[in-house]
Amino acid sequence: MSAVLQPRTELRPMIEADLGEVLAIEENSYDFPWTYGIFRDCLHVKYPCWVYEVDDEIIAYGVMSIGGGEAHILTLVVRHDYRGQGVGRMLMSHLLTVAGHAKVDTVLLEVRPSNNAAISLYQDLGFNEIGVRPNYYPAHRGRENAIIMALALSQYDQRFQH
């Protein structure tokens, strides 16, 4: 008989000591990554910041702001070698649960029009396109628009509580 070892996983709040690992993923994922200072500032103002670990290694993170009855997903990133395995969906679902506990009505986010995988995930979770932010993202040639997406949390709750 052989035992199959399952990886140890943990979803937990991000701490400043995590920022080295988070930045490595960020810099490997984006041509225009967030800086250490941006992540540190998000932690200092107590934004909900979460990491997901597999065997004590951070493989995903998400940052959200909450205020005025709204939440704003600021970033959600899964390390390249873990994409397509449901980690992003799990982390986004957790952020939506955190938003719900904060009595949020609406969750907003921006996404690059070229990020088809993220758009598909957000639509599957119930987000709808509500507008465009012109010239929102830096690009190698000028700027790229952002699609603004929104989710009424009451709709998410009805769709996913079963």
Protein backbone atom coordinates (compact mmCIF):
# COMPACT_ATOMS: atom_id res chain seq x y z
CA MET A 1 0.00 0.00 0.00
CA SER A 2 1.35 3.41 -0.88
CA ALA A 3 0.26 6.69 0.60
CA VAL A 4 -0.43 9.65 -1.62
CA LEU A 5 0.66 12.84 0.07
CA GLN A 6 -1.65 15.77 -0.45
CA PRO A 7 -0.04 19.19 -0.62
CA ARG A 8 -0.56 21.43 2.39
CA THR A 9 -2.63 24.44 1.40
CA GLU A 10 -3.50 27.58 3.31
CA LEU A 11 -5.50 30.68 2.49
CA ARG A 12 -4.49 33.42 4.89
CA PRO A 13 -4.13 37.18 5.26
CA MET A 14 -1.05 38.63 3.60
CA ILE A 15 1.66 40.05 5.87
CA GLU A 16 4.58 42.29 5.04
CA ALA A 17 7.01 39.34 5.25
CA ASP A 18 5.18 37.84 2.23
CA LEU A 19 6.01 40.73 -0.08
CA GLY A 20 9.22 39.22 -1.46
CA GLU A 21 7.34 36.15 -2.76
CA VAL A 22 4.38 38.25 -3.87
CA LEU A 23 6.65 40.62 -5.82
CA ALA A 24 8.40 37.71 -7.54
CA ILE A 25 5.02 36.46 -8.82
CA GLU A 26 3.94 40.01 -9.71
CA GLU A 27 7.10 40.73 -11.68
CA ASN A 28 6.84 37.40 -13.51
CA SER A 29 3.19 38.07 -14.39
CA TYR A 30 3.18 41.67 -15.60
CA ASP A 31 5.25 43.93 -17.80
CA PHE A 32 4.20 46.82 -15.53
CA PRO A 33 4.10 45.26 -12.04
CA TRP A 34 3.01 46.81 -8.78
CA THR A 35 5.88 47.91 -6.56
CA TYR A 36 6.80 46.83 -3.05
CA GLY A 37 5.51 50.21 -1.85
CA ILE A 38 2.07 49.71 -3.38
CA PHE A 39 1.63 46.35 -1.66
CA ARG A 40 3.02 47.70 1.61
CA ASP A 41 0.62 50.66 1.48
CA CYS A 42 -2.34 48.31 0.89
CA LEU A 43 -1.34 46.35 3.98
CA HIS A 44 -0.83 49.50 6.07
CA VAL A 45 -4.29 50.88 5.25
CA LYS A 46 -5.71 47.44 6.14
CA TYR A 47 -7.13 46.52 2.75
CA PRO A 48 -8.15 42.87 2.67
CA CYS A 49 -4.99 41.26 1.24
CA TRP A 50 -4.85 37.47 0.99
CA VAL A 51 -2.33 34.85 -0.09
CA TYR A 52 -2.83 31.22 -1.01
CA GLU A 53 0.00 28.84 -0.21
CA VAL A 54 0.81 25.34 -1.36
CA ASP A 55 3.43 23.61 0.79
CA ASP A 56 4.42 26.94 2.37
CA GLU A 57 4.96 28.61 -1.02
CA ILE A 58 2.75 31.52 -2.08
CA ILE A 59 1.13 30.71 -5.42
CA ALA A 60 -1.63 33.35 -5.54
CA TYR A 61 -2.69 36.61 -3.95
CA GLY A 62 -5.50 39.10 -4.05
CA VAL A 63 -5.99 42.66 -2.82
CA MET A 64 -9.33 44.43 -2.39
CA SER A 65 -10.44 47.79 -1.06
CA ILE A 66 -13.76 48.24 0.73
CA GLY A 67 -15.66 51.44 1.37
CA GLY A 68 -19.00 53.14 0.89
CA GLY A 69 -20.89 49.90 0.31
CA GLU A 70 -18.55 48.88 -2.51
CA ALA A 71 -15.55 46.62 -2.84
CA HIS A 72 -12.93 47.00 -5.53
CA ILE A 73 -10.77 44.06 -6.56
CA LEU A 74 -7.43 45.79 -7.06
CA THR A 75 -5.43 42.73 -8.09
CA LEU A 76 -5.73 38.97 -8.19
CA VAL A 77 -2.81 36.94 -9.51
CA VAL A 78 -2.07 33.23 -9.74
CA ARG A 79 1.47 32.04 -10.39
CA HIS A 80 1.90 30.84 -14.00
CA ASP A 81 2.41 27.17 -13.14
CA TYR A 82 -0.86 27.04 -11.15
CA ARG A 83 -3.14 28.79 -13.64
CA GLY A 84 -6.11 26.90 -15.04
CA GLN A 85 -6.51 24.79 -11.89
CA GLY A 86 -9.28 26.74 -10.15
CA VAL A 87 -7.03 28.73 -7.82
CA GLY A 88 -8.16 32.10 -9.19
CA ARG A 89 -11.82 31.11 -8.85
CA MET A 90 -11.26 29.95 -5.26
CA LEU A 91 -9.41 33.14 -4.32
CA MET A 92 -12.00 35.39 -6.01
CA SER A 93 -14.80 33.50 -4.24
CA HIS A 94 -13.03 34.12 -0.95
CA LEU A 95 -12.68 37.84 -1.67
CA LEU A 96 -16.39 37.99 -2.51
CA THR A 97 -17.18 36.28 0.79
CA VAL A 98 -15.01 38.81 2.65
CA ALA A 99 -16.88 41.60 0.82
CA GLY A 100 -20.20 40.06 1.82
CA HIS A 101 -19.19 39.97 5.49
CA ALA A 102 -18.39 43.69 5.15
CA LYS A 103 -21.99 44.30 3.97
CA VAL A 104 -20.85 45.33 0.49
CA ASP A 105 -23.52 45.76 -2.19
CA THR A 106 -21.36 45.90 -5.32
CA VAL A 107 -17.93 44.58 -6.26
CA LEU A 108 -16.02 46.35 -9.04
CA LEU A 109 -12.87 45.53 -10.95
CA GLU A 110 -10.93 46.52 -14.04
CA VAL A 111 -9.48 44.04 -16.51
CA ARG A 112 -7.45 44.37 -19.68
CA PRO A 113 -9.52 43.57 -22.79
CA SER A 114 -6.69 41.22 -23.81
CA ASN A 115 -7.00 39.12 -20.62
CA ASN A 116 -9.53 36.61 -21.93
CA ALA A 117 -9.01 34.06 -19.14
CA ALA A 118 -9.77 36.63 -16.43
CA ILE A 119 -12.78 38.04 -18.30
CA SER A 120 -14.18 34.53 -18.70
CA LEU A 121 -13.74 33.80 -14.97
CA TYR A 122 -15.35 37.08 -13.93
CA GLN A 123 -18.31 36.57 -16.28
CA ASP A 124 -18.75 33.03 -14.97
CA LEU A 125 -18.90 34.42 -11.43
CA GLY A 126 -21.64 36.84 -12.48
CA PHE A 127 -19.70 40.04 -13.23
CA ASN A 128 -21.04 42.21 -16.04
CA GLU A 129 -19.27 44.81 -18.16
CA ILE A 130 -20.49 48.25 -17.13
CA GLY A 131 -18.04 50.54 -18.92
CA VAL A 132 -14.54 51.30 -20.11
CA ARG A 133 -11.76 53.34 -18.53
CA PRO A 134 -9.82 54.85 -21.45
CA ASN A 135 -6.02 54.67 -21.27
CA TYR A 136 -6.10 52.99 -17.85
CA TYR A 137 -3.22 50.51 -18.12
CA PRO A 138 0.36 51.22 -19.17
CA ALA A 139 1.33 49.41 -22.36
CA HIS A 140 4.52 49.10 -24.39
CA ARG A 141 3.05 51.56 -26.89
CA GLY A 142 1.00 54.14 -25.04
CA ARG A 143 -1.85 52.98 -22.81
CA GLU A 144 -4.54 50.28 -22.90
CA ASN A 145 -8.18 50.69 -21.97
CA ALA A 146 -9.70 48.78 -19.06
CA ILE A 147 -13.04 47.03 -19.05
CA ILE A 148 -14.95 47.90 -15.87
CA MET A 149 -16.92 44.97 -14.50
CA ALA A 150 -19.38 44.90 -11.61
CA LEU A 151 -21.16 42.28 -9.56
CA ALA A 152 -24.18 42.90 -7.36
CA LEU A 153 -23.25 40.73 -4.40
CA SER A 154 -26.88 39.71 -3.90
CA GLN A 155 -26.79 38.10 -7.36
CA TYR A 156 -23.57 36.25 -6.50
CA ASP A 157 -25.08 34.97 -3.26
CA GLN A 158 -28.17 33.65 -5.05
CA ARG A 159 -26.14 31.90 -7.75
CA PHE A 160 -23.51 30.25 -5.56
CA GLN A 161 -25.05 29.41 -2.19
CA HIS A 162 -26.37 26.04 -3.37
